[in-house]
């Protein structure tokens, strides 16, 4: 269980960091917000992957496509966060 949690944190950090690097603009996010962004991106990417390809956890939890899906999901989440924060600013 501890290994699973550490894996989620590391994948979240990597996905969040890459999403922040790919999407132009400034972010005032710290490391915890970056991890949260990546974890949310993993959920979004996993959901989209399931909808598009019908793959689920039973077919393997950690795959290269899952990491790519996490990054894509984190990019989508970051764009949504920026759009919402602009409306309130």
Protein backbone atom coordinates (compact mmCIF):
# COMPACT_ATOMS: atom_id res chain seq x y z
CA UNK A 1 0.00 0.00 0.00
CA UNK A 2 2.83 2.41 0.84
CA UNK A 3 4.50 1.66 -2.49
CA UNK A 4 1.23 2.47 -4.29
CA UNK A 5 0.93 5.84 -2.51
CA UNK A 6 4.55 6.74 -3.25
CA UNK A 7 4.04 5.77 -6.90
CA UNK A 8 0.96 7.99 -7.12
CA UNK A 9 2.89 10.91 -5.62
CA UNK A 10 5.87 10.46 -7.96
CA UNK A 11 3.70 10.05 -11.08
CA UNK A 12 1.62 13.05 -9.97
CA UNK A 13 4.74 15.15 -9.52
CA UNK A 14 6.15 14.16 -12.92
CA UNK A 15 2.83 14.65 -14.75
CA UNK A 16 2.15 17.98 -13.02
CA UNK A 17 5.67 19.25 -13.69
CA UNK A 18 5.53 18.31 -17.37
CA UNK A 19 2.06 19.86 -17.73
CA UNK A 20 3.29 23.10 -16.19
CA UNK A 21 6.31 23.08 -18.51
CA UNK A 22 4.23 22.43 -21.65
CA UNK A 23 1.42 24.93 -21.06
CA UNK A 24 2.75 28.47 -21.46
CA UNK A 25 2.23 31.04 -18.74
CA UNK A 26 3.13 31.64 -15.12
CA UNK A 27 1.91 29.48 -12.28
CA UNK A 28 2.12 30.28 -8.61
CA UNK A 29 1.89 26.61 -7.65
CA UNK A 30 4.09 24.97 -5.09
CA UNK A 31 5.19 21.36 -5.10
CA UNK A 32 2.03 20.11 -3.33
CA UNK A 33 -0.21 21.86 -5.86
CA UNK A 34 1.90 20.39 -8.68
CA UNK A 35 1.48 16.90 -7.21
CA UNK A 36 -2.27 17.48 -6.81
CA UNK A 37 -2.44 18.67 -10.42
CA UNK A 38 -0.69 15.52 -11.58
CA UNK A 39 -2.91 13.23 -9.49
CA UNK A 40 -6.05 14.92 -10.82
CA UNK A 41 -4.54 14.66 -14.30
CA UNK A 42 -4.02 10.94 -13.76
CA UNK A 43 -7.67 10.54 -12.86
CA UNK A 44 -8.78 12.59 -15.87
CA UNK A 45 -6.37 10.77 -18.20
CA UNK A 46 -7.41 7.38 -16.85
CA UNK A 47 -11.08 8.22 -17.29
CA UNK A 48 -10.53 9.45 -20.85
CA UNK A 49 -8.43 6.37 -21.64
CA UNK A 50 -11.20 4.13 -20.35
CA UNK A 51 -13.81 5.96 -22.42
CA UNK A 52 -11.72 5.92 -25.60
CA UNK A 53 -10.09 2.49 -25.39
CA UNK A 54 -12.07 0.51 -22.84
CA UNK A 55 -8.93 -0.36 -20.82
CA UNK A 56 -9.10 -0.62 -17.05
CA UNK A 57 -7.02 -1.41 -14.00
CA UNK A 58 -7.34 -5.16 -14.52
CA UNK A 59 -5.21 -4.85 -17.68
CA UNK A 60 -2.27 -3.27 -15.87
CA UNK A 61 -2.07 -0.21 -13.66
CA UNK A 62 1.32 1.18 -14.66
CA UNK A 63 1.97 1.47 -18.38
CA UNK A 64 3.65 4.03 -20.59
CA UNK A 65 0.27 4.95 -22.04
CA UNK A 66 -0.95 5.58 -18.49
CA UNK A 67 1.86 8.05 -17.86
CA UNK A 68 1.11 9.81 -21.14
CA UNK A 69 -2.58 9.85 -20.21
CA UNK A 70 -1.65 11.36 -16.84
CA UNK A 71 0.30 14.13 -18.55
CA UNK A 72 -2.53 14.83 -21.01
CA UNK A 73 -5.03 14.83 -18.15
CA UNK A 74 -2.82 17.20 -16.13
CA UNK A 75 -2.60 19.56 -19.10
CA UNK A 76 -6.40 19.54 -19.40
CA UNK A 77 -6.77 20.13 -15.65
CA UNK A 78 -4.22 22.98 -15.74
CA UNK A 79 -6.01 24.72 -18.61
CA UNK A 80 -9.31 24.43 -16.71
CA UNK A 81 -7.74 25.78 -13.49
CA UNK A 82 -6.28 28.73 -15.37
CA UNK A 83 -9.60 29.48 -17.09
CA UNK A 84 -11.50 29.38 -13.81
CA UNK A 85 -8.91 31.49 -11.97
CA UNK A 86 -8.99 34.14 -14.72
CA UNK A 87 -12.75 34.44 -14.36
CA UNK A 88 -12.41 35.11 -10.63
CA UNK A 89 -9.50 37.52 -10.97
